[in-house]
C-alpha atoms as a PDB file:
ATOM      1  CA  UNK A   1      -1.513 -27.274   1.007  1.00  0.00           C
ATOM      2  CA  UNK A   2       1.774 -25.705   1.626  1.00  0.00           C
ATOM      3  CA  UNK A   3       1.994 -21.936   2.757  1.00  0.00           C
ATOM      4  CA  UNK A   4       4.265 -21.467  -0.323  1.00  0.00           C
ATOM      5  CA  UNK A   5       1.278 -22.127  -2.849  1.00  0.00           C
ATOM      6  CA  UNK A   6      -1.424 -20.722  -0.745  1.00  0.00           C
ATOM      7  CA  UNK A   7      -3.429 -17.147  -1.550  1.00  0.00           C
ATOM      8  CA  UNK A   8      -2.570 -14.418   1.151  1.00  0.00           C
ATOM      9  CA  UNK A   9      -4.311 -11.876   2.178  1.00  0.00           C
ATOM     10  CA  UNK A  10      -2.628  -8.138   4.083  1.00  0.00           C
ATOM     11  CA  UNK A  11      -4.495  -7.054   6.900  1.00  0.00           C
ATOM     12  CA  UNK A  12      -4.771  -3.560   7.520  1.00  0.00           C
ATOM     13  CA  UNK A  13      -6.386  -2.059  10.732  1.00  0.00           C
ATOM     14  CA  UNK A  14      -8.421   0.910   9.778  1.00  0.00           C
ATOM     15  CA  UNK A  15     -10.575   3.197  12.230  1.00  0.00           C
ATOM     16  CA  UNK A  16     -13.235   4.734   9.917  1.00  0.00           C
ATOM     17  CA  UNK A  17     -14.334   2.334   6.950  1.00  0.00           C
ATOM     18  CA  UNK A  18     -15.966   4.702   4.694  1.00  0.00           C
ATOM     19  CA  UNK A  19     -13.046   6.930   4.809  1.00  0.00           C
ATOM     20  CA  UNK A  20     -10.710   4.079   4.208  1.00  0.00           C
ATOM     21  CA  UNK A  21     -13.405   2.712   1.199  1.00  0.00           C
ATOM     22  CA  UNK A  22     -13.142   6.065  -0.156  1.00  0.00           C
ATOM     23  CA  UNK A  23      -8.963   5.922  -0.715  1.00  0.00           C
ATOM     24  CA  UNK A  24      -8.818   2.915  -1.642  1.00  0.00           C
ATOM     25  CA  UNK A  25     -11.120   3.177  -3.905  1.00  0.00           C
ATOM     26  CA  UNK A  26      -8.925   5.901  -5.082  1.00  0.00           C
ATOM     27  CA  UNK A  27      -5.973   3.207  -6.053  1.00  0.00           C
ATOM     28  CA  UNK A  28      -7.989   1.806  -8.246  1.00  0.00           C
ATOM     29  CA  UNK A  29      -8.424  -1.599  -6.474  1.00  0.00           C
ATOM     30  CA  UNK A  30     -11.292  -4.315  -6.947  1.00  0.00           C
ATOM     31  CA  UNK A  31     -13.612  -3.673  -4.087  1.00  0.00           C
ATOM     32  CA  UNK A  32     -14.974  -7.160  -3.727  1.00  0.00           C
ATOM     33  CA  UNK A  33     -17.232  -6.157  -0.303  1.00  0.00           C
ATOM     34  CA  UNK A  34     -17.319  -6.133   3.325  1.00  0.00           C
ATOM     35  CA  UNK A  35     -17.542  -9.297   4.926  1.00  0.00           C
ATOM     36  CA  UNK A  36     -20.394 -10.151   8.120  1.00  0.00           C
ATOM     37  CA  UNK A  37     -17.627  -8.343  10.876  1.00  0.00           C
ATOM     38  CA  UNK A  38     -17.535  -5.253   8.172  1.00  0.00           C
ATOM     39  CA  UNK A  39     -14.250  -5.348   7.085  1.00  0.00           C
ATOM     40  CA  UNK A  40     -13.538  -4.389   3.658  1.00  0.00           C
ATOM     41  CA  UNK A  41     -12.592  -6.455   0.766  1.00  0.00           C
ATOM     42  CA  UNK A  42     -10.191  -5.792  -2.384  1.00  0.00           C
ATOM     43  CA  UNK A  43      -8.358  -7.719  -4.569  1.00  0.00           C
ATOM     44  CA  UNK A  44      -4.785  -7.397  -5.328  1.00  0.00           C
ATOM     45  CA  UNK A  45      -2.248  -8.996  -7.963  1.00  0.00           C
ATOM     46  CA  UNK A  46      -1.551 -12.579  -8.540  1.00  0.00           C
ATOM     47  CA  UNK A  47      -4.526 -13.901  -6.167  1.00  0.00           C
ATOM     48  CA  UNK A  48      -4.201 -11.694  -2.813  1.00  0.00           C
ATOM     49  CA  UNK A  49      -6.133  -9.845  -1.482  1.00  0.00           C
ATOM     50  CA  UNK A  50      -6.573  -6.763   1.139  1.00  0.00           C
ATOM     51  CA  UNK A  51      -8.819  -7.024   3.902  1.00  0.00           C
ATOM     52  CA  UNK A  52      -9.329  -3.410   5.671  1.00  0.00           C
ATOM     53  CA  UNK A  53     -10.047  -4.194   9.218  1.00  0.00           C
ATOM     54  CA  UNK A  54     -12.328  -1.700  11.767  1.00  0.00           C
ATOM     55  CA  UNK A  55     -10.066  -1.175  14.753  1.00  0.00           C
ATOM     56  CA  UNK A  56      -9.415   1.242  17.401  1.00  0.00           C
ATOM     57  CA  UNK A  57      -6.481   4.267  16.462  1.00  0.00           C
ATOM     58  CA  UNK A  58      -3.226   3.449  17.057  1.00  0.00           C
ATOM     59  CA  UNK A  59      -2.972  -0.432  16.030  1.00  0.00           C
ATOM     60  CA  UNK A  60      -0.683   0.828  12.612  1.00  0.00           C
ATOM     61  CA  UNK A  61       2.887  -0.388  11.830  1.00  0.00           C
ATOM     62  CA  UNK A  62       4.923   2.401  11.605  1.00  0.00           C
ATOM     63  CA  UNK A  63       6.897   0.250   9.050  1.00  0.00           C
ATOM     64  CA  UNK A  64       5.907  -0.361   5.510  1.00  0.00           C
ATOM     65  CA  UNK A  65       2.649  -2.659   5.643  1.00  0.00           C
ATOM     66  CA  UNK A  66       1.975  -3.089   1.504  1.00  0.00           C
ATOM     67  CA  UNK A  67       4.384  -2.507  -1.328  1.00  0.00           C
ATOM     68  CA  UNK A  68       3.318  -2.646  -5.182  1.00  0.00           C
ATOM     69  CA  UNK A  69       5.485  -3.441  -7.755  1.00  0.00           C
ATOM     70  CA  UNK A  70       5.292  -1.376 -10.517  1.00  0.00           C
ATOM     71  CA  UNK A  71       7.219  -1.495 -13.968  1.00  0.00           C
ATOM     72  CA  UNK A  72       7.438   2.515 -13.640  1.00  0.00           C
ATOM     73  CA  UNK A  73       7.724   3.888 -10.042  1.00  0.00           C
ATOM     74  CA  UNK A  74       7.482   7.917 -11.411  1.00  0.00           C
ATOM     75  CA  UNK A  75       4.697   7.279 -13.813  1.00  0.00           C
ATOM     76  CA  UNK A  76       2.394   5.554 -10.954  1.00  0.00           C
ATOM     77  CA  UNK A  77       3.958   8.292  -8.476  1.00  0.00           C
ATOM     78  CA  UNK A  78       2.510  10.862 -11.236  1.00  0.00           C
ATOM     79  CA  UNK A  79      -1.093   8.746 -12.015  1.00  0.00           C
ATOM     80  CA  UNK A  80      -1.676   8.306  -7.950  1.00  0.00           C
ATOM     81  CA  UNK A  81      -1.380  12.192  -7.085  1.00  0.00           C
ATOM     82  CA  UNK A  82      -3.609  12.812 -10.280  1.00  0.00           C
ATOM     83  CA  UNK A  83      -6.425  10.698  -8.158  1.00  0.00           C
ATOM     84  CA  UNK A  84      -5.602  12.889  -4.598  1.00  0.00           C
ATOM     85  CA  UNK A  85      -2.645  10.561  -3.234  1.00  0.00           C
ATOM     86  CA  UNK A  86      -0.057  12.723  -1.353  1.00  0.00           C
ATOM     87  CA  UNK A  87       3.487  11.183  -0.861  1.00  0.00           C
ATOM     88  CA  UNK A  88       5.710  11.625   1.436  1.00  0.00           C
ATOM     89  CA  UNK A  89       9.168  13.156   1.150  1.00  0.00           C
ATOM     90  CA  UNK A  90      12.111  11.945   3.719  1.00  0.00           C
ATOM     91  CA  UNK A  91      15.794  13.265   4.322  1.00  0.00           C
ATOM     92  CA  UNK A  92      17.024  10.741   6.861  1.00  0.00           C
ATOM     93  CA  UNK A  93      20.345   8.985   6.814  1.00  0.00           C
ATOM     94  CA  UNK A  94      20.460   6.495   3.973  1.00  0.00           C
ATOM     95  CA  UNK A  95      17.179   7.450   2.732  1.00  0.00           C
ATOM     96  CA  UNK A  96      16.403  10.851   0.948  1.00  0.00           C
ATOM     97  CA  UNK A  97      13.360  11.240  -1.536  1.00  0.00           C
ATOM     98  CA  UNK A  98      14.036  13.494  -4.833  1.00  0.00           C
ATOM     99  CA  UNK A  99      10.105  13.988  -6.101  1.00  0.00           C
ATOM    100  CA  UNK A 100       8.734  11.431  -3.496  1.00  0.00           C
ATOM    101  CA  UNK A 101      11.433   9.109  -4.612  1.00  0.00           C
ATOM    102  CA  UNK A 102      14.085   7.033  -3.172  1.00  0.00           C
ATOM    103  CA  UNK A 103      16.855   5.496  -5.251  1.00  0.00           C
ATOM    104  CA  UNK A 104      18.540   2.334  -3.450  1.00  0.00           C
ATOM    105  CA  UNK A 105      20.462  -0.256  -5.035  1.00  0.00           C
ATOM    106  CA  UNK A 106      18.597  -0.280  -8.380  1.00  0.00           C
ATOM    107  CA  UNK A 107      15.130   0.053  -6.559  1.00  0.00           C
ATOM    108  CA  UNK A 108      13.100   3.012  -6.675  1.00  0.00           C
ATOM    109  CA  UNK A 109      10.567   3.286  -3.663  1.00  0.00           C
ATOM    110  CA  UNK A 110       7.776   5.968  -3.151  1.00  0.00           C
ATOM    111  CA  UNK A 111       5.787   6.098   0.290  1.00  0.00           C
ATOM    112  CA  UNK A 112       2.090   7.281   0.569  1.00  0.00           C
ATOM    113  CA  UNK A 113      -0.293   7.113   3.850  1.00  0.00           C
ATOM    114  CA  UNK A 114      -3.586   5.788   3.547  1.00  0.00           C
ATOM    115  CA  UNK A 115      -6.297   7.844   5.756  1.00  0.00           C
ATOM    116  CA  UNK A 116      -5.122   5.887   9.468  1.00  0.00           C
ATOM    117  CA  UNK A 117      -1.107   6.219   8.906  1.00  0.00           C
ATOM    118  CA  UNK A 118      -1.025   2.696   7.474  1.00  0.00           C
ATOM    119  CA  UNK A 119       2.249   2.700   5.059  1.00  0.00           C
ATOM    120  CA  UNK A 120       2.068   2.214   1.718  1.00  0.00           C
ATOM    121  CA  UNK A 121       4.374   1.870  -0.921  1.00  0.00           C
ATOM    122  CA  UNK A 122       4.759   1.225  -5.094  1.00  0.00           C
ATOM    123  CA  UNK A 123       8.135   0.271  -5.681  1.00  0.00           C
ATOM    124  CA  UNK A 124       9.860  -0.373  -9.428  1.00  0.00           C
ATOM    125  CA  UNK A 125      12.347  -3.041  -9.159  1.00  0.00           C
ATOM    126  CA  UNK A 126      14.900  -5.071  -6.828  1.00  0.00           C
ATOM    127  CA  UNK A 127      12.400  -7.415  -4.279  1.00  0.00           C
ATOM    128  CA  UNK A 128      13.104 -10.686  -5.581  1.00  0.00           C
ATOM    129  CA  UNK A 129      15.948 -12.721  -4.034  1.00  0.00           C
ATOM    130  CA  UNK A 130      19.395 -13.431  -5.586  1.00  0.00           C
END
C-alpha cells in the first residue's frame, strides 16, 4: 500500500500520561485507550491517530508538532480558552500575534503548548499546496 493512502499516527513525547490525558481530553479528542507500553491513543480527523508516548523530559521539539485546520480560528481559540487551554503570544520579526492569532499570507494561526511543552496549533486556511 503506498504511503500516500496509508493511515498515519502522530507521535508526541509526554513525561506524565495522567497529566497528558487530562490536557488532551480538554481538546475533546476521542480517547481510544492505552497500548501495552502505556502510550495514550487518540483519534484524529481523516483516520489519523495521536499517540502520546511516555518519555523523559527534554525530548520535545521546539517547533509546531501538530496543527489542526479549523473553519474559524477565532471561534476555536475562544472555545479552547473556555476549556482552560492557554495560548501563546509572539512578537518576533515576521510573526506577531494579536489576541493570540497571527495572520500570515491569508492564513490565521494560534499556538498553545501541552503540559510537556509540545507546540500545538490551530489554523485557518493556507496549508494546501499550489
